[in-house]
Amino acid sequence: MSHTYLLDLYDLIEQRLGEVSVEPESEHSEGDRTQSQQGRYDVLTEFKQFLAERYNNKLPRRIRNKYSG
C-alpha cells in the first residue's frame, strides 16, 4: 500500500469523525440517533487504530508521528 493512500484514508476518517459530531436531520428518535452515531464513531476509531497498528511503520519517519493512533 502506498503511503499516499494511507494518508488519504486518515484524512477521510478524520472528515467522517467530524461529520459524526454534527447531528443529522432525520425522523429517528433521539435515542436511535445517539446510538447510531456512537456506533459509527466507534467503528471509525477502531479502523483508525487498526491502520495505525498495522501500517504506520510503512509511513516515512517524518510524518509517522502525526498519525500515531
N, C-alpha and C. Protein backbone atom coordinates (compact mmCIF):
# COMPACT_ATOMS: atom_id res chain seq x y z
N MET A 1 0.86 -1.18 0.00
CA MET A 1 0.00 0.00 0.00
C MET A 1 0.90 1.24 0.00
N SER A 2 0.63 2.10 -0.92
CA SER A 2 1.38 3.36 -0.99
C SER A 2 1.03 4.24 0.19
N HIS A 3 2.01 4.98 0.70
CA HIS A 3 1.73 5.80 1.87
C HIS A 3 0.77 6.94 1.54
N THR A 4 0.64 7.32 0.27
CA THR A 4 -0.32 8.37 -0.06
C THR A 4 -1.75 7.88 0.13
N TYR A 5 -2.00 6.60 -0.15
CA TYR A 5 -3.33 6.04 0.10
C TYR A 5 -3.62 6.00 1.59
N LEU A 6 -2.64 5.67 2.36
CA LEU A 6 -2.81 5.62 3.81
C LEU A 6 -3.11 7.01 4.37
N LEU A 7 -2.40 8.01 3.89
CA LEU A 7 -2.66 9.38 4.34
C LEU A 7 -4.05 9.84 3.92
N ASP A 8 -4.48 9.44 2.73
CA ASP A 8 -5.83 9.78 2.28
C ASP A 8 -6.88 9.11 3.16
N LEU A 9 -6.61 7.87 3.56
CA LEU A 9 -7.54 7.18 4.47
C LEU A 9 -7.63 7.88 5.81
N TYR A 10 -6.50 8.29 6.34
CA TYR A 10 -6.52 9.03 7.61
C TYR A 10 -7.32 10.33 7.49
N ASP A 11 -7.13 11.05 6.39
CA ASP A 11 -7.87 12.29 6.18
C ASP A 11 -9.37 12.03 6.06
N LEU A 12 -9.74 10.97 5.35
CA LEU A 12 -11.15 10.62 5.19
C LEU A 12 -11.77 10.23 6.53
N ILE A 13 -11.03 9.47 7.33
CA ILE A 13 -11.54 9.08 8.65
C ILE A 13 -11.76 10.31 9.52
N GLU A 14 -10.81 11.24 9.50
CA GLU A 14 -10.96 12.47 10.29
C GLU A 14 -12.17 13.27 9.82
N GLN A 15 -12.39 13.32 8.51
CA GLN A 15 -13.55 14.03 7.97
C GLN A 15 -14.84 13.38 8.45
N ARG A 16 -14.91 12.07 8.38
CA ARG A 16 -16.11 11.34 8.81
C ARG A 16 -16.33 11.47 10.31
N LEU A 17 -15.27 11.47 11.08
CA LEU A 17 -15.42 11.66 12.53
C LEU A 17 -15.99 13.04 12.83
N GLY A 18 -15.61 14.04 12.04
CA GLY A 18 -16.18 15.37 12.19
C GLY A 18 -17.65 15.41 11.85
N GLU A 19 -18.05 14.61 10.87
CA GLU A 19 -19.47 14.55 10.49
C GLU A 19 -20.31 13.86 11.55
N VAL A 20 -19.73 12.93 12.27
CA VAL A 20 -20.47 12.20 13.31
C VAL A 20 -20.90 13.15 14.41
N SER A 21 -20.08 14.14 14.70
CA SER A 21 -20.41 15.06 15.78
C SER A 21 -21.54 16.00 15.40
N VAL A 22 -21.80 16.18 14.09
CA VAL A 22 -22.91 17.02 13.63
C VAL A 22 -24.16 16.17 13.62
N GLU A 23 -25.22 16.65 14.24
CA GLU A 23 -26.46 15.90 14.32
C GLU A 23 -27.15 15.85 12.96
N PRO A 24 -27.46 14.66 12.44
CA PRO A 24 -28.17 14.55 11.16
C PRO A 24 -29.65 14.90 11.31
N GLU A 25 -30.22 15.43 10.26
CA GLU A 25 -31.65 15.73 10.23
C GLU A 25 -32.38 14.48 9.76
N SER A 26 -33.09 13.81 10.65
CA SER A 26 -33.83 12.61 10.26
C SER A 26 -35.05 12.45 11.16
N GLU A 27 -35.86 11.45 10.83
CA GLU A 27 -37.10 11.22 11.56
C GLU A 27 -36.91 10.20 12.69
N HIS A 28 -35.69 9.77 12.95
CA HIS A 28 -35.45 8.81 14.01
C HIS A 28 -35.58 9.47 15.37
N SER A 29 -35.89 8.65 16.36
CA SER A 29 -35.97 9.18 17.71
C SER A 29 -34.58 9.56 18.20
N GLU A 30 -34.52 10.35 19.24
CA GLU A 30 -33.24 10.84 19.77
C GLU A 30 -32.35 9.69 20.24
N GLY A 31 -32.93 8.66 20.83
CA GLY A 31 -32.15 7.52 21.31
C GLY A 31 -31.51 6.75 20.16
N ASP A 32 -32.26 6.55 19.08
CA ASP A 32 -31.72 5.86 17.91
C ASP A 32 -30.58 6.65 17.28
N ARG A 33 -30.75 7.95 17.22
CA ARG A 33 -29.74 8.82 16.61
C ARG A 33 -28.46 8.76 17.43
N THR A 34 -28.58 8.85 18.73
CA THR A 34 -27.41 8.82 19.60
C THR A 34 -26.70 7.48 19.51
N GLN A 35 -27.46 6.40 19.53
CA GLN A 35 -26.87 5.06 19.45
C GLN A 35 -26.21 4.85 18.09
N SER A 36 -26.83 5.30 17.04
CA SER A 36 -26.28 5.16 15.70
C SER A 36 -24.99 5.95 15.55
N GLN A 37 -24.98 7.18 16.04
CA GLN A 37 -23.77 8.00 15.95
C GLN A 37 -22.65 7.44 16.80
N GLN A 38 -22.97 6.92 17.96
CA GLN A 38 -21.95 6.32 18.82
C GLN A 38 -21.36 5.10 18.14
N GLY A 39 -22.19 4.28 17.52
CA GLY A 39 -21.70 3.11 16.80
C GLY A 39 -20.81 3.49 15.64
N ARG A 40 -21.21 4.50 14.90
CA ARG A 40 -20.40 4.97 13.77
C ARG A 40 -19.05 5.51 14.26
N TYR A 41 -19.07 6.27 15.34
CA TYR A 41 -17.84 6.80 15.92
C TYR A 41 -16.92 5.67 16.36
N ASP A 42 -17.49 4.65 17.01
CA ASP A 42 -16.68 3.52 17.48
C ASP A 42 -16.01 2.78 16.32
N VAL A 43 -16.76 2.56 15.24
CA VAL A 43 -16.21 1.85 14.09
C VAL A 43 -15.10 2.66 13.44
N LEU A 44 -15.30 3.96 13.30
CA LEU A 44 -14.27 4.80 12.69
C LEU A 44 -13.00 4.85 13.53
N THR A 45 -13.15 4.95 14.84
CA THR A 45 -11.96 4.98 15.70
C THR A 45 -11.25 3.63 15.72
N GLU A 46 -12.01 2.53 15.68
CA GLU A 46 -11.39 1.21 15.62
C GLU A 46 -10.61 1.03 14.32
N PHE A 47 -11.17 1.51 13.22
CA PHE A 47 -10.48 1.39 11.94
C PHE A 47 -9.22 2.25 11.92
N LYS A 48 -9.31 3.43 12.50
CA LYS A 48 -8.13 4.30 12.58
C LYS A 48 -7.05 3.63 13.42
N GLN A 49 -7.42 3.02 14.52
CA GLN A 49 -6.46 2.31 15.37
C GLN A 49 -5.85 1.12 14.63
N PHE A 50 -6.67 0.40 13.87
CA PHE A 50 -6.18 -0.72 13.07
C PHE A 50 -5.12 -0.26 12.08
N LEU A 51 -5.40 0.83 11.38
CA LEU A 51 -4.43 1.37 10.42
C LEU A 51 -3.14 1.78 11.12
N ALA A 52 -3.27 2.41 12.27
CA ALA A 52 -2.09 2.86 13.00
C ALA A 52 -1.24 1.68 13.45
N GLU A 53 -1.87 0.61 13.91
CA GLU A 53 -1.13 -0.56 14.40
C GLU A 53 -0.47 -1.34 13.27
N ARG A 54 -1.15 -1.43 12.13
CA ARG A 54 -0.66 -2.29 11.05
C ARG A 54 0.21 -1.58 10.02
N TYR A 55 -0.08 -0.32 9.73
CA TYR A 55 0.54 0.30 8.57
C TYR A 55 1.36 1.55 8.86
N ASN A 56 1.36 2.05 10.09
CA ASN A 56 2.15 3.25 10.37
C ASN A 56 3.64 3.04 10.16
N ASN A 57 4.11 1.82 10.33
CA ASN A 57 5.54 1.57 10.12
C ASN A 57 5.93 1.70 8.65
N LYS A 58 4.96 1.75 7.74
CA LYS A 58 5.24 1.92 6.33
C LYS A 58 5.30 3.40 5.92
N LEU A 59 4.92 4.28 6.84
CA LEU A 59 4.98 5.71 6.55
C LEU A 59 6.41 6.22 6.68
N PRO A 60 6.75 7.27 5.96
CA PRO A 60 8.06 7.90 6.17
C PRO A 60 8.17 8.41 7.60
N ARG A 61 9.35 8.35 8.17
CA ARG A 61 9.55 8.71 9.58
C ARG A 61 9.09 10.12 9.90
N ARG A 62 9.29 11.05 8.97
CA ARG A 62 8.98 12.45 9.28
C ARG A 62 7.49 12.70 9.47
N ILE A 63 6.63 11.81 8.95
CA ILE A 63 5.20 12.02 9.14
C ILE A 63 4.54 10.91 9.95
N ARG A 64 5.29 9.93 10.37
CA ARG A 64 4.75 8.79 11.11
C ARG A 64 4.10 9.21 12.43
N ASN A 65 4.71 10.10 13.17
CA ASN A 65 4.19 10.51 14.48
C ASN A 65 2.88 11.27 14.39
N LYS A 66 2.64 11.93 13.29
CA LYS A 66 1.39 12.68 13.13
C LYS A 66 0.17 11.76 13.14
N TYR A 67 0.34 10.55 12.65
CA TYR A 67 -0.78 9.62 12.54
C TYR A 67 -0.64 8.43 13.47
N SER A 68 -0.14 8.64 14.63
CA SER A 68 0.08 7.52 15.56
C SER A 68 -1.13 7.28 16.45
N GLY A 69 -2.19 6.77 15.84
CA GLY A 69 -3.35 6.34 16.55
C GLY A 69 -4.10 7.40 17.21
